[in-house]
Amino acid sequence: MSTGPRILVADSAEAHAAFRAALSSSFELVYAASFEDAKKALDPAPALVVCGCHFDEGRMYDLLRHLKATHGLTRVPFMAVRCVPGELLDDALYESVKIAVRALGGNAFVDLLRWQRRWGTAEASHRLTHLVQTLASAPPADTG
């Protein structure tokens, strides 16, 4: 039984768990650890693709380009995320990722760790859940 929109989460197992834990509503999350697994999970088209910045050794942009170039998937929203600790993103790098994601047709970039530092865990969770709900309820994906 589905608990909400089907969302593909392409990232490491640790990041997938952090993303799931940060959501305050139920969604059907489909996990993909590799680019090939993610491509397979795009059939049927999910309501949203969430992809980690360090997915499959840096293949986040490859997944985004594939999504936007594949007939029937071009309207599926794409959100890039950073959910696990590592090097801090300075403001310039943070902005460059946001710009690149948008330039390639993506819809959002969320640095969950930055959000948690800025607003606290509960508010970051609320904002993330709202964004996921908004993107996942966008018009349906192309079907033909």
C-alpha atoms as a PDB file:
ATOM      1  CA  MET A   1       0.000   0.000   0.000  1.00  0.00           C
ATOM      2  CA  SER A   2       1.358   3.394  -1.024  1.00  0.00           C
ATOM      3  CA  THR A   3       1.643   6.063   1.661  1.00  0.00           C
ATOM      4  CA  GLY A   4       2.067   8.993  -0.696  1.00  0.00           C
ATOM      5  CA  PRO A   5       3.586  10.002  -4.007  1.00  0.00           C
ATOM      6  CA  ARG A   6       6.310   7.704  -5.368  1.00  0.00           C
ATOM      7  CA  ILE A   7       9.659   9.479  -5.038  1.00  0.00           C
ATOM      8  CA  LEU A   8      12.981   8.229  -6.347  1.00  0.00           C
ATOM      9  CA  VAL A   9      15.826   8.970  -3.920  1.00  0.00           C
ATOM     10  CA  ALA A  10      19.193   8.487  -5.618  1.00  0.00           C
ATOM     11  CA  ASP A  11      21.977   8.738  -3.056  1.00  0.00           C
ATOM     12  CA  SER A  12      24.076   6.777  -0.598  1.00  0.00           C
ATOM     13  CA  ALA A  13      22.326   4.564   1.964  1.00  0.00           C
ATOM     14  CA  GLU A  14      23.354   6.975   4.737  1.00  0.00           C
ATOM     15  CA  ALA A  15      21.961   9.996   2.880  1.00  0.00           C
ATOM     16  CA  HIS A  16      18.748   8.131   2.014  1.00  0.00           C
ATOM     17  CA  ALA A  17      18.221   7.355   5.704  1.00  0.00           C
ATOM     18  CA  ALA A  18      18.902  10.993   6.665  1.00  0.00           C
ATOM     19  CA  PHE A  19      16.484  12.242   4.003  1.00  0.00           C
ATOM     20  CA  ARG A  20      13.767   9.795   5.115  1.00  0.00           C
ATOM     21  CA  ALA A  21      14.284  10.776   8.771  1.00  0.00           C
ATOM     22  CA  ALA A  22      13.955  14.475   7.926  1.00  0.00           C
ATOM     23  CA  LEU A  23      10.551  14.075   6.275  1.00  0.00           C
ATOM     24  CA  SER A  24       7.583  14.684   8.546  1.00  0.00           C
ATOM     25  CA  SER A  25       5.036  13.049   6.199  1.00  0.00           C
ATOM     26  CA  SER A  26       4.855   9.646   4.560  1.00  0.00           C
ATOM     27  CA  PHE A  27       5.977   9.166   0.989  1.00  0.00           C
ATOM     28  CA  GLU A  28       6.737   6.056  -1.034  1.00  0.00           C
ATOM     29  CA  LEU A  29      10.517   6.377  -1.296  1.00  0.00           C
ATOM     30  CA  VAL A  30      12.285   4.238  -3.888  1.00  0.00           C
ATOM     31  CA  TYR A  31      16.016   3.980  -3.238  1.00  0.00           C
ATOM     32  CA  ALA A  32      18.741   3.862  -5.905  1.00  0.00           C
ATOM     33  CA  ALA A  33      22.441   3.674  -5.061  1.00  0.00           C
ATOM     34  CA  SER A  34      23.758   3.800  -8.621  1.00  0.00           C
ATOM     35  CA  PHE A  35      23.061   5.615 -11.862  1.00  0.00           C
ATOM     36  CA  GLU A  36      21.964   2.365 -13.503  1.00  0.00           C
ATOM     37  CA  ASP A  37      19.593   1.559 -10.610  1.00  0.00           C
ATOM     38  CA  ALA A  38      18.167   5.083 -10.799  1.00  0.00           C
ATOM     39  CA  LYS A  39      17.500   4.796 -14.541  1.00  0.00           C
ATOM     40  CA  LYS A  40      15.619   1.523 -13.937  1.00  0.00           C
ATOM     41  CA  ALA A  41      13.599   3.117 -11.114  1.00  0.00           C
ATOM     42  CA  LEU A  42      12.352   5.825 -13.485  1.00  0.00           C
ATOM     43  CA  ASP A  43       9.859   3.330 -14.928  1.00  0.00           C
ATOM     44  CA  PRO A  44       7.157   4.031 -14.052  1.00  0.00           C
ATOM     45  CA  ALA A  45       7.846   7.736 -13.774  1.00  0.00           C
ATOM     46  CA  PRO A  46       8.046   8.905 -10.155  1.00  0.00           C
ATOM     47  CA  ALA A  47       6.314  12.043  -8.920  1.00  0.00           C
ATOM     48  CA  LEU A  48       9.738  13.476  -7.978  1.00  0.00           C
ATOM     49  CA  VAL A  49      13.423  12.607  -8.273  1.00  0.00           C
ATOM     50  CA  VAL A  50      15.609  13.517  -5.294  1.00  0.00           C
ATOM     51  CA  CYS A  51      19.327  13.130  -5.920  1.00  0.00           C
ATOM     52  CA  GLY A  52      22.277  13.622  -3.607  1.00  0.00           C
ATOM     53  CA  CYS A  53      25.187  15.857  -4.559  1.00  0.00           C
ATOM     54  CA  HIS A  54      27.650  12.991  -4.301  1.00  0.00           C
ATOM     55  CA  PHE A  55      25.395  10.328  -5.835  1.00  0.00           C
ATOM     56  CA  ASP A  56      27.303   7.501  -7.503  1.00  0.00           C
ATOM     57  CA  GLU A  57      30.660   9.280  -7.446  1.00  0.00           C
ATOM     58  CA  GLY A  58      29.334  12.589  -8.767  1.00  0.00           C
ATOM     59  CA  ARG A  59      26.666  11.442 -11.232  1.00  0.00           C
ATOM     60  CA  MET A  60      23.951  13.803  -9.959  1.00  0.00           C
ATOM     61  CA  TYR A  61      24.158  15.988 -13.063  1.00  0.00           C
ATOM     62  CA  ASP A  62      24.202  12.892 -15.296  1.00  0.00           C
ATOM     63  CA  LEU A  63      20.937  11.747 -13.729  1.00  0.00           C
ATOM     64  CA  LEU A  64      19.402  15.185 -14.139  1.00  0.00           C
ATOM     65  CA  ARG A  65      20.458  15.375 -17.807  1.00  0.00           C
ATOM     66  CA  HIS A  66      19.101  11.854 -18.405  1.00  0.00           C
ATOM     67  CA  LEU A  67      15.777  12.748 -16.793  1.00  0.00           C
ATOM     68  CA  LYS A  68      15.333  15.907 -18.852  1.00  0.00           C
ATOM     69  CA  ALA A  69      16.384  14.199 -22.104  1.00  0.00           C
ATOM     70  CA  THR A  70      14.127  11.134 -21.775  1.00  0.00           C
ATOM     71  CA  HIS A  71      10.739  11.186 -23.473  1.00  0.00           C
ATOM     72  CA  GLY A  72       8.012  10.795 -20.869  1.00  0.00           C
ATOM     73  CA  LEU A  73      10.208  12.067 -18.010  1.00  0.00           C
ATOM     74  CA  THR A  74      10.952  15.657 -18.976  1.00  0.00           C
ATOM     75  CA  ARG A  75       8.306  17.097 -16.645  1.00  0.00           C
ATOM     76  CA  VAL A  76       9.280  15.014 -13.599  1.00  0.00           C
ATOM     77  CA  PRO A  77      10.566  17.491 -10.982  1.00  0.00           C
ATOM     78  CA  PHE A  78      14.172  17.110  -9.796  1.00  0.00           C
ATOM     79  CA  MET A  79      15.548  18.163  -6.425  1.00  0.00           C
ATOM     80  CA  ALA A  80      19.237  17.989  -5.576  1.00  0.00           C
ATOM     81  CA  VAL A  81      20.050  17.466  -1.893  1.00  0.00           C
ATOM     82  CA  ARG A  82      22.906  17.324   0.545  1.00  0.00           C
ATOM     83  CA  CYS A  83      21.890  15.309   3.603  1.00  0.00           C
ATOM     84  CA  VAL A  84      25.062  13.944   5.199  1.00  0.00           C
ATOM     85  CA  PRO A  85      27.995  15.674   6.859  1.00  0.00           C
ATOM     86  CA  GLY A  86      31.153  16.269   4.905  1.00  0.00           C
ATOM     87  CA  GLU A  87      32.912  19.375   3.743  1.00  0.00           C
ATOM     88  CA  LEU A  88      30.882  22.475   4.455  1.00  0.00           C
ATOM     89  CA  LEU A  89      29.639  24.262   1.370  1.00  0.00           C
ATOM     90  CA  ASP A  90      30.695  27.884   1.441  1.00  0.00           C
ATOM     91  CA  ASP A  91      28.185  30.395   0.111  1.00  0.00           C
ATOM     92  CA  ALA A  92      29.766  30.561  -3.353  1.00  0.00           C
ATOM     93  CA  LEU A  93      29.767  26.785  -3.822  1.00  0.00           C
ATOM     94  CA  TYR A  94      26.225  26.520  -2.460  1.00  0.00           C
ATOM     95  CA  GLU A  95      25.035  29.120  -4.981  1.00  0.00           C
ATOM     96  CA  SER A  96      26.949  27.469  -7.844  1.00  0.00           C
ATOM     97  CA  VAL A  97      25.212  24.120  -7.207  1.00  0.00           C
ATOM     98  CA  LYS A  98      21.821  25.867  -7.132  1.00  0.00           C
ATOM     99  CA  ILE A  99      22.594  27.652 -10.403  1.00  0.00           C
ATOM    100  CA  ALA A 100      23.849  24.493 -12.129  1.00  0.00           C
ATOM    101  CA  VAL A 101      20.820  22.453 -11.049  1.00  0.00           C
ATOM    102  CA  ARG A 102      18.444  25.130 -12.346  1.00  0.00           C
ATOM    103  CA  ALA A 103      20.414  25.575 -15.592  1.00  0.00           C
ATOM    104  CA  LEU A 104      20.059  21.861 -16.349  1.00  0.00           C
ATOM    105  CA  GLY A 105      16.300  21.927 -15.704  1.00  0.00           C
ATOM    106  CA  GLY A 106      16.184  20.957 -12.034  1.00  0.00           C
ATOM    107  CA  ASN A 107      13.752  22.530  -9.605  1.00  0.00           C
ATOM    108  CA  ALA A 108      15.602  22.915  -6.308  1.00  0.00           C
ATOM    109  CA  PHE A 109      18.754  22.347  -4.300  1.00  0.00           C
ATOM    110  CA  VAL A 110      18.460  21.741  -0.570  1.00  0.00           C
ATOM    111  CA  ASP A 111      21.448  21.613   1.735  1.00  0.00           C
ATOM    112  CA  LEU A 112      19.584  19.976   4.606  1.00  0.00           C
ATOM    113  CA  LEU A 113      22.528  20.419   6.965  1.00  0.00           C
ATOM    114  CA  ARG A 114      22.581  24.165   6.266  1.00  0.00           C
ATOM    115  CA  TRP A 115      18.841  24.329   6.826  1.00  0.00           C
ATOM    116  CA  GLN A 116      19.148  22.465  10.132  1.00  0.00           C
ATOM    117  CA  ARG A 117      21.867  24.848  11.337  1.00  0.00           C
ATOM    118  CA  ARG A 118      19.853  27.897  10.273  1.00  0.00           C
ATOM    119  CA  TRP A 119      16.359  26.943  11.446  1.00  0.00           C
ATOM    120  CA  GLY A 120      16.786  23.923  13.706  1.00  0.00           C
ATOM    121  CA  THR A 121      15.883  20.316  12.997  1.00  0.00           C
ATOM    122  CA  ALA A 122      12.093  20.627  13.337  1.00  0.00           C
ATOM    123  CA  GLU A 123      11.746  23.684  11.094  1.00  0.00           C
ATOM    124  CA  ALA A 124      14.158  22.243   8.514  1.00  0.00           C
ATOM    125  CA  SER A 125      12.060  19.074   8.476  1.00  0.00           C
ATOM    126  CA  HIS A 126       8.867  21.081   8.025  1.00  0.00           C
ATOM    127  CA  ARG A 127      10.369  23.094   5.143  1.00  0.00           C
ATOM    128  CA  LEU A 128      11.790  20.006   3.432  1.00  0.00           C
ATOM    129  CA  THR A 129       8.489  18.142   3.692  1.00  0.00           C
ATOM    130  CA  HIS A 130       6.585  21.132   2.310  1.00  0.00           C
ATOM    131  CA  LEU A 131       8.994  21.435  -0.634  1.00  0.00           C
ATOM    132  CA  VAL A 132       8.798  17.696  -1.390  1.00  0.00           C
ATOM    133  CA  GLN A 133       4.974  17.797  -1.230  1.00  0.00           C
ATOM    134  CA  THR A 134       4.878  20.840  -3.510  1.00  0.00           C
ATOM    135  CA  LEU A 135       7.232  19.367  -6.102  1.00  0.00           C
ATOM    136  CA  ALA A 136       5.616  15.921  -6.000  1.00  0.00           C
ATOM    137  CA  SER A 137       2.177  17.416  -6.610  1.00  0.00           C
ATOM    138  CA  ALA A 138       3.324  19.294  -9.732  1.00  0.00           C
ATOM    139  CA  PRO A 139       1.523  18.494 -12.987  1.00  0.00           C
ATOM    140  CA  PRO A 140       1.888  14.838 -13.993  1.00  0.00           C
ATOM    141  CA  ALA A 141       4.860  13.662 -16.016  1.00  0.00           C
ATOM    142  CA  ASP A 142       4.639  13.545 -19.807  1.00  0.00           C
ATOM    143  CA  THR A 143       2.981  10.367 -20.928  1.00  0.00           C
ATOM    144  CA  GLY A 144       3.303  10.440 -24.659  1.00  0.00           C
END
